[in-house]
Amino acid sequence: MGIGPGGIILIIILALILFGPKKLPELGKAVGHTLREFKSATKGLADDDEEDKKNKKQDDL
């Protein structure tokens, strides 16, 4: 039950009405920057978890 093509079109139309065509590129850039930061932060957390698992395995040996 995802969003169909009609729903996507409706969301785009509402975004254009609410923010206007001049603000949408700025909003897209801000969202992209935020997602990039979130991805790098979660990658760092995942790397820390794997390092902890390796250290625990070495301690168990």
N, C-alpha and C. Protein backbone atom coordinates (compact mmCIF):
# COMPACT_ATOMS: atom_id res chain seq x y z
N MET A 1 0.84 -1.19 0.00
CA MET A 1 0.00 0.00 0.00
C MET A 1 0.88 1.25 0.00
N GLY A 2 1.58 1.46 -1.04
CA GLY A 2 2.43 2.64 -1.15
C GLY A 2 1.66 3.82 -1.72
N ILE A 3 2.40 4.86 -1.93
CA ILE A 3 1.81 6.05 -2.54
C ILE A 3 1.84 5.85 -4.05
N GLY A 4 0.70 5.98 -4.66
CA GLY A 4 0.61 5.80 -6.11
C GLY A 4 0.98 7.08 -6.84
N PRO A 5 0.96 7.02 -8.17
CA PRO A 5 1.31 8.20 -8.97
C PRO A 5 0.39 9.40 -8.69
N GLY A 6 -0.87 9.13 -8.45
CA GLY A 6 -1.80 10.23 -8.14
C GLY A 6 -1.44 10.91 -6.83
N GLY A 7 -1.04 10.12 -5.85
CA GLY A 7 -0.64 10.70 -4.56
C GLY A 7 0.61 11.53 -4.67
N ILE A 8 1.56 11.07 -5.46
CA ILE A 8 2.81 11.83 -5.66
C ILE A 8 2.52 13.16 -6.35
N ILE A 9 1.67 13.13 -7.35
CA ILE A 9 1.30 14.36 -8.06
C ILE A 9 0.61 15.33 -7.11
N LEU A 10 -0.28 14.82 -6.27
CA LEU A 10 -0.98 15.66 -5.30
C LEU A 10 0.01 16.30 -4.32
N ILE A 11 0.98 15.54 -3.85
CA ILE A 11 1.99 16.07 -2.93
C ILE A 11 2.81 17.17 -3.60
N ILE A 12 3.19 16.96 -4.85
CA ILE A 12 3.96 17.97 -5.59
C ILE A 12 3.14 19.25 -5.76
N ILE A 13 1.88 19.11 -6.10
CA ILE A 13 1.03 20.29 -6.28
C ILE A 13 0.87 21.04 -4.96
N LEU A 14 0.66 20.30 -3.86
CA LEU A 14 0.53 20.96 -2.56
C LEU A 14 1.83 21.66 -2.16
N ALA A 15 2.98 21.04 -2.43
CA ALA A 15 4.27 21.66 -2.11
C ALA A 15 4.44 22.95 -2.91
N LEU A 16 4.06 22.93 -4.19
CA LEU A 16 4.16 24.15 -5.01
C LEU A 16 3.26 25.25 -4.48
N ILE A 17 2.07 24.88 -4.04
CA ILE A 17 1.13 25.88 -3.52
C ILE A 17 1.64 26.45 -2.19
N LEU A 18 2.12 25.58 -1.31
CA LEU A 18 2.55 26.03 0.02
C LEU A 18 3.86 26.82 -0.01
N PHE A 19 4.83 26.35 -0.76
CA PHE A 19 6.16 26.95 -0.70
C PHE A 19 6.50 27.82 -1.91
N GLY A 20 5.86 27.60 -3.01
CA GLY A 20 6.16 28.36 -4.21
C GLY A 20 7.34 27.76 -4.95
N PRO A 21 7.41 28.01 -6.24
CA PRO A 21 8.47 27.39 -7.05
C PRO A 21 9.88 27.90 -6.73
N LYS A 22 9.99 29.09 -6.14
CA LYS A 22 11.32 29.63 -5.83
C LYS A 22 11.93 28.98 -4.58
N LYS A 23 11.12 28.56 -3.65
CA LYS A 23 11.62 27.99 -2.39
C LYS A 23 11.88 26.49 -2.49
N LEU A 24 11.27 25.81 -3.42
CA LEU A 24 11.43 24.35 -3.50
C LEU A 24 12.87 23.89 -3.70
N PRO A 25 13.67 24.51 -4.56
CA PRO A 25 15.07 24.07 -4.68
C PRO A 25 15.85 24.24 -3.38
N GLU A 26 15.58 25.33 -2.65
CA GLU A 26 16.25 25.54 -1.36
C GLU A 26 15.85 24.47 -0.36
N LEU A 27 14.57 24.13 -0.34
CA LEU A 27 14.10 23.09 0.57
C LEU A 27 14.71 21.73 0.21
N GLY A 28 14.78 21.44 -1.07
CA GLY A 28 15.37 20.18 -1.52
C GLY A 28 16.84 20.09 -1.13
N LYS A 29 17.55 21.19 -1.27
CA LYS A 29 18.96 21.22 -0.90
C LYS A 29 19.12 20.99 0.61
N ALA A 30 18.28 21.64 1.40
CA ALA A 30 18.35 21.48 2.85
C ALA A 30 18.02 20.05 3.27
N VAL A 31 17.02 19.45 2.64
CA VAL A 31 16.67 18.07 2.95
C VAL A 31 17.81 17.13 2.57
N GLY A 32 18.41 17.34 1.42
CA GLY A 32 19.54 16.52 0.99
C GLY A 32 20.72 16.62 1.95
N HIS A 33 21.01 17.83 2.39
CA HIS A 33 22.10 18.05 3.34
C HIS A 33 21.81 17.32 4.66
N THR A 34 20.58 17.43 5.13
CA THR A 34 20.18 16.77 6.37
C THR A 34 20.28 15.26 6.25
N LEU A 35 19.82 14.70 5.15
CA LEU A 35 19.90 13.26 4.94
C LEU A 35 21.35 12.78 4.87
N ARG A 36 22.21 13.56 4.22
CA ARG A 36 23.62 13.22 4.14
C ARG A 36 24.26 13.18 5.53
N GLU A 37 23.95 14.18 6.36
CA GLU A 37 24.48 14.22 7.72
C GLU A 37 23.97 13.03 8.53
N PHE A 38 22.68 12.73 8.39
CA PHE A 38 22.09 11.60 9.12
C PHE A 38 22.74 10.29 8.70
N LYS A 39 22.94 10.13 7.40
CA LYS A 39 23.56 8.90 6.89
C LYS A 39 24.97 8.73 7.43
N SER A 40 25.75 9.80 7.44
CA SER A 40 27.13 9.70 7.93
C SER A 40 27.15 9.44 9.44
N ALA A 41 26.20 10.01 10.17
CA ALA A 41 26.14 9.77 11.61
C ALA A 41 25.75 8.33 11.91
N THR A 42 24.78 7.79 11.19
CA THR A 42 24.37 6.41 11.44
C THR A 42 25.45 5.44 10.97
N LYS A 43 26.20 5.79 9.93
CA LYS A 43 27.29 4.93 9.48
C LYS A 43 28.36 4.87 10.56
N GLY A 44 28.63 6.01 11.19
CA GLY A 44 29.60 6.03 12.29
C GLY A 44 29.15 5.17 13.45
N LEU A 45 27.87 5.20 13.75
CA LEU A 45 27.34 4.36 14.84
C LEU A 45 27.45 2.88 14.49
N ALA A 46 27.16 2.54 13.25
CA ALA A 46 27.25 1.15 12.82
C ALA A 46 28.70 0.67 12.87
N ASP A 47 29.63 1.53 12.47
CA ASP A 47 31.06 1.17 12.53
C ASP A 47 31.49 0.95 13.97
N ASP A 48 30.99 1.79 14.89
CA ASP A 48 31.32 1.64 16.31
C ASP A 48 30.78 0.32 16.85
N ASP A 49 29.57 -0.06 16.43
CA ASP A 49 28.98 -1.32 16.88
C ASP A 49 29.81 -2.51 16.42
N GLU A 50 30.24 -2.48 15.17
CA GLU A 50 31.05 -3.59 14.65
C GLU A 50 32.39 -3.67 15.38
N GLU A 51 32.97 -2.52 15.69
CA GLU A 51 34.24 -2.49 16.42
C GLU A 51 34.06 -3.08 17.82
N ASP A 52 32.94 -2.74 18.46
CA ASP A 52 32.66 -3.29 19.79
C ASP A 52 32.50 -4.80 19.74
N LYS A 53 31.84 -5.31 18.69
CA LYS A 53 31.65 -6.76 18.54
C LYS A 53 32.99 -7.46 18.37
N LYS A 54 33.88 -6.86 17.56
CA LYS A 54 35.20 -7.45 17.35
C LYS A 54 36.00 -7.48 18.65
N ASN A 55 35.93 -6.37 19.40
CA ASN A 55 36.64 -6.32 20.67
C ASN A 55 36.11 -7.33 21.66
N LYS A 56 34.80 -7.55 21.67
CA LYS A 56 34.19 -8.51 22.59
C LYS A 56 34.61 -9.93 22.22
N LYS A 57 34.67 -10.24 20.90
CA LYS A 57 35.11 -11.55 20.47
C LYS A 57 36.55 -11.80 20.89
N GLN A 58 37.40 -10.79 20.77
CA GLN A 58 38.79 -10.95 21.17
C GLN A 58 38.90 -11.15 22.68
N ASP A 59 38.06 -10.48 23.45
CA ASP A 59 38.08 -10.62 24.90
C ASP A 59 37.62 -12.02 25.31
N ASP A 60 36.67 -12.59 24.55
CA ASP A 60 36.14 -13.91 24.87
C ASP A 60 37.16 -15.00 24.60
N LEU A 61 38.09 -14.76 23.67
CA LEU A 61 39.10 -15.76 23.33
C LEU A 61 40.11 -15.78 24.38
